Amino acid sequence: MDPNLNNYNYYNNYNNNYPPAAPPEEKGMSIASMVLGICGFLAWCLPIFGYPVSIVGLVLGILGIKKGGKGMATAGIIMCSITLALTLGNSILGVFLSTMGFLF
């Protein structure tokens, strides 16, 4: 009888007594939402970039809350909401100024 075989069975049976490991959280959408929220603070100056960045970041943040990484998803949602409001305000101000004749 091989003594290494007995050790293998001992360790193999010992490791089977642990519960299965929890699946890892999928934080990709939460991280993407937070990154888009940060980029949105630069993109709001040009509404053509601000709207897509903010809206995609909001959608990824909402989906990221369900998948995992709730803190990062919440931060992304807050930042994207702020940048969406800034982009909307910039658009309204641009339309107002152009109708009043202050812009070209």
C-alpha atoms as a PDB file:
ATOM      1  CA  MET A   1       0.000   0.000   0.000  1.00  0.00           C
ATOM      2  CA  ASP A   2       1.298   3.429  -0.983  1.00  0.00           C
ATOM      3  CA  PRO A   3       1.484   5.868   1.961  1.00  0.00           C
ATOM      4  CA  ASN A   4       1.023   8.879  -0.341  1.00  0.00           C
ATOM      5  CA  LEU A   5      -2.314   7.501  -1.497  1.00  0.00           C
ATOM      6  CA  ASN A   6      -3.628   7.509   2.070  1.00  0.00           C
ATOM      7  CA  ASN A   7      -2.534  11.117   2.532  1.00  0.00           C
ATOM      8  CA  TYR A   8      -4.209  12.093  -0.715  1.00  0.00           C
ATOM      9  CA  ASN A   9      -7.507  10.531   0.362  1.00  0.00           C
ATOM     10  CA  TYR A  10      -7.253  12.149   3.767  1.00  0.00           C
ATOM     11  CA  TYR A  11      -6.734  15.617   2.330  1.00  0.00           C
ATOM     12  CA  ASN A  12      -9.302  15.069  -0.406  1.00  0.00           C
ATOM     13  CA  ASN A  13     -11.987  14.063   2.112  1.00  0.00           C
ATOM     14  CA  TYR A  14     -10.964  16.908   4.396  1.00  0.00           C
ATOM     15  CA  ASN A  15     -11.420  19.526   1.662  1.00  0.00           C
ATOM     16  CA  ASN A  16     -14.829  18.165   0.645  1.00  0.00           C
ATOM     17  CA  ASN A  17     -16.260  19.131   4.025  1.00  0.00           C
ATOM     18  CA  TYR A  18     -16.127  22.842   3.179  1.00  0.00           C
ATOM     19  CA  PRO A  19     -19.213  24.469   1.686  1.00  0.00           C
ATOM     20  CA  PRO A  20     -18.900  25.497  -1.961  1.00  0.00           C
ATOM     21  CA  ALA A  21     -17.358  28.899  -2.547  1.00  0.00           C
ATOM     22  CA  ALA A  22     -19.691  31.784  -3.297  1.00  0.00           C
ATOM     23  CA  PRO A  23     -19.600  32.945  -6.901  1.00  0.00           C
ATOM     24  CA  PRO A  24     -17.654  36.171  -7.368  1.00  0.00           C
ATOM     25  CA  GLU A  25     -19.589  39.387  -7.825  1.00  0.00           C
ATOM     26  CA  GLU A  26     -19.693  40.813 -11.312  1.00  0.00           C
ATOM     27  CA  LYS A  27     -18.583  44.406 -10.807  1.00  0.00           C
ATOM     28  CA  GLY A  28     -17.873  45.288 -14.440  1.00  0.00           C
ATOM     29  CA  MET A  29     -21.035  47.307 -14.989  1.00  0.00           C
ATOM     30  CA  SER A  30     -20.602  49.139 -11.692  1.00  0.00           C
ATOM     31  CA  ILE A  31     -17.022  50.085 -12.532  1.00  0.00           C
ATOM     32  CA  ALA A  32     -18.041  51.201 -16.030  1.00  0.00           C
ATOM     33  CA  SER A  33     -20.827  53.355 -14.578  1.00  0.00           C
ATOM     34  CA  MET A  34     -18.435  55.020 -12.169  1.00  0.00           C
ATOM     35  CA  VAL A  35     -15.847  55.638 -14.902  1.00  0.00           C
ATOM     36  CA  LEU A  36     -18.506  57.119 -17.193  1.00  0.00           C
ATOM     37  CA  GLY A  37     -19.677  59.313 -14.320  1.00  0.00           C
ATOM     38  CA  ILE A  38     -16.146  60.644 -13.917  1.00  0.00           C
ATOM     39  CA  CYS A  39     -15.768  61.161 -17.678  1.00  0.00           C
ATOM     40  CA  GLY A  40     -19.149  62.873 -17.725  1.00  0.00           C
ATOM     41  CA  PHE A  41     -17.723  65.752 -15.686  1.00  0.00           C
ATOM     42  CA  LEU A  42     -15.591  66.567 -18.723  1.00  0.00           C
ATOM     43  CA  ALA A  43     -18.174  65.633 -21.357  1.00  0.00           C
ATOM     44  CA  TRP A  44     -21.030  67.847 -20.100  1.00  0.00           C
ATOM     45  CA  CYS A  45     -19.405  70.887 -21.689  1.00  0.00           C
ATOM     46  CA  LEU A  46     -20.369  69.560 -25.126  1.00  0.00           C
ATOM     47  CA  PRO A  47     -23.924  68.185 -24.997  1.00  0.00           C
ATOM     48  CA  ILE A  48     -23.309  65.955 -28.003  1.00  0.00           C
ATOM     49  CA  PHE A  49     -20.909  63.981 -25.778  1.00  0.00           C
ATOM     50  CA  GLY A  50     -22.553  64.645 -22.423  1.00  0.00           C
ATOM     51  CA  TYR A  51     -25.902  63.026 -23.121  1.00  0.00           C
ATOM     52  CA  PRO A  52     -24.636  59.631 -24.353  1.00  0.00           C
ATOM     53  CA  VAL A  53     -21.998  59.356 -21.620  1.00  0.00           C
ATOM     54  CA  SER A  54     -24.472  60.214 -18.866  1.00  0.00           C
ATOM     55  CA  ILE A  55     -27.311  58.043 -20.134  1.00  0.00           C
ATOM     56  CA  VAL A  56     -25.139  54.980 -20.729  1.00  0.00           C
ATOM     57  CA  GLY A  57     -23.569  55.462 -17.289  1.00  0.00           C
ATOM     58  CA  LEU A  58     -27.012  55.617 -15.660  1.00  0.00           C
ATOM     59  CA  VAL A  59     -28.162  52.443 -17.392  1.00  0.00           C
ATOM     60  CA  LEU A  60     -24.984  50.572 -16.450  1.00  0.00           C
ATOM     61  CA  GLY A  61     -25.273  51.792 -12.868  1.00  0.00           C
ATOM     62  CA  ILE A  62     -28.854  50.594 -12.545  1.00  0.00           C
ATOM     63  CA  LEU A  63     -27.936  47.215 -14.012  1.00  0.00           C
ATOM     64  CA  GLY A  64     -24.778  47.095 -11.876  1.00  0.00           C
ATOM     65  CA  ILE A  65     -26.757  47.349  -8.639  1.00  0.00           C
ATOM     66  CA  LYS A  66     -28.442  44.055  -9.482  1.00  0.00           C
ATOM     67  CA  LYS A  67     -25.202  42.279 -10.442  1.00  0.00           C
ATOM     68  CA  GLY A  68     -22.854  43.381  -7.647  1.00  0.00           C
ATOM     69  CA  GLY A  69     -20.687  46.263  -6.562  1.00  0.00           C
ATOM     70  CA  LYS A  70     -23.505  48.319  -5.123  1.00  0.00           C
ATOM     71  CA  GLY A  71     -21.274  51.083  -3.765  1.00  0.00           C
ATOM     72  CA  MET A  72     -19.594  51.764  -7.100  1.00  0.00           C
ATOM     73  CA  ALA A  73     -22.912  51.522  -8.940  1.00  0.00           C
ATOM     74  CA  THR A  74     -24.500  54.013  -6.555  1.00  0.00           C
ATOM     75  CA  ALA A  75     -21.562  56.392  -7.000  1.00  0.00           C
ATOM     76  CA  GLY A  76     -21.864  56.025 -10.777  1.00  0.00           C
ATOM     77  CA  ILE A  77     -25.599  56.724 -10.707  1.00  0.00           C
ATOM     78  CA  ILE A  78     -25.101  59.859  -8.596  1.00  0.00           C
ATOM     79  CA  MET A  79     -22.281  61.191 -10.782  1.00  0.00           C
ATOM     80  CA  CYS A  80     -24.150  60.420 -14.008  1.00  0.00           C
ATOM     81  CA  SER A  81     -27.283  62.121 -12.665  1.00  0.00           C
ATOM     82  CA  ILE A  82     -25.274  65.231 -11.841  1.00  0.00           C
ATOM     83  CA  THR A  83     -23.601  65.275 -15.247  1.00  0.00           C
ATOM     84  CA  LEU A  84     -26.933  64.701 -16.989  1.00  0.00           C
ATOM     85  CA  ALA A  85     -28.367  67.709 -15.150  1.00  0.00           C
ATOM     86  CA  LEU A  86     -25.312  69.794 -16.065  1.00  0.00           C
ATOM     87  CA  THR A  87     -25.594  68.727 -19.707  1.00  0.00           C
ATOM     88  CA  LEU A  88     -29.286  69.593 -19.769  1.00  0.00           C
ATOM     89  CA  GLY A  89     -28.574  72.975 -18.189  1.00  0.00           C
ATOM     90  CA  ASN A  90     -25.822  73.622 -20.717  1.00  0.00           C
ATOM     91  CA  SER A  91     -28.182  72.747 -23.579  1.00  0.00           C
ATOM     92  CA  ILE A  92     -30.935  75.016 -22.259  1.00  0.00           C
ATOM     93  CA  LEU A  93     -28.471  77.870 -21.737  1.00  0.00           C
ATOM     94  CA  GLY A  94     -27.096  77.395 -25.256  1.00  0.00           C
ATOM     95  CA  VAL A  95     -30.557  77.497 -26.804  1.00  0.00           C
ATOM     96  CA  PHE A  96     -31.500  80.542 -24.738  1.00  0.00           C
ATOM     97  CA  LEU A  97     -28.341  82.442 -25.663  1.00  0.00           C
ATOM     98  CA  SER A  98     -28.645  81.581 -29.353  1.00  0.00           C
ATOM     99  CA  THR A  99     -32.289  82.740 -29.495  1.00  0.00           C
ATOM    100  CA  MET A 100     -31.396  86.012 -27.779  1.00  0.00           C
ATOM    101  CA  GLY A 101     -28.660  86.696 -30.319  1.00  0.00           C
ATOM    102  CA  PHE A 102     -25.679  86.366 -27.990  1.00  0.00           C
ATOM    103  CA  LEU A 103     -24.135  83.571 -30.030  1.00  0.00           C
ATOM    104  CA  PHE A 104     -23.229  83.690 -33.697  1.00  0.00           C
END
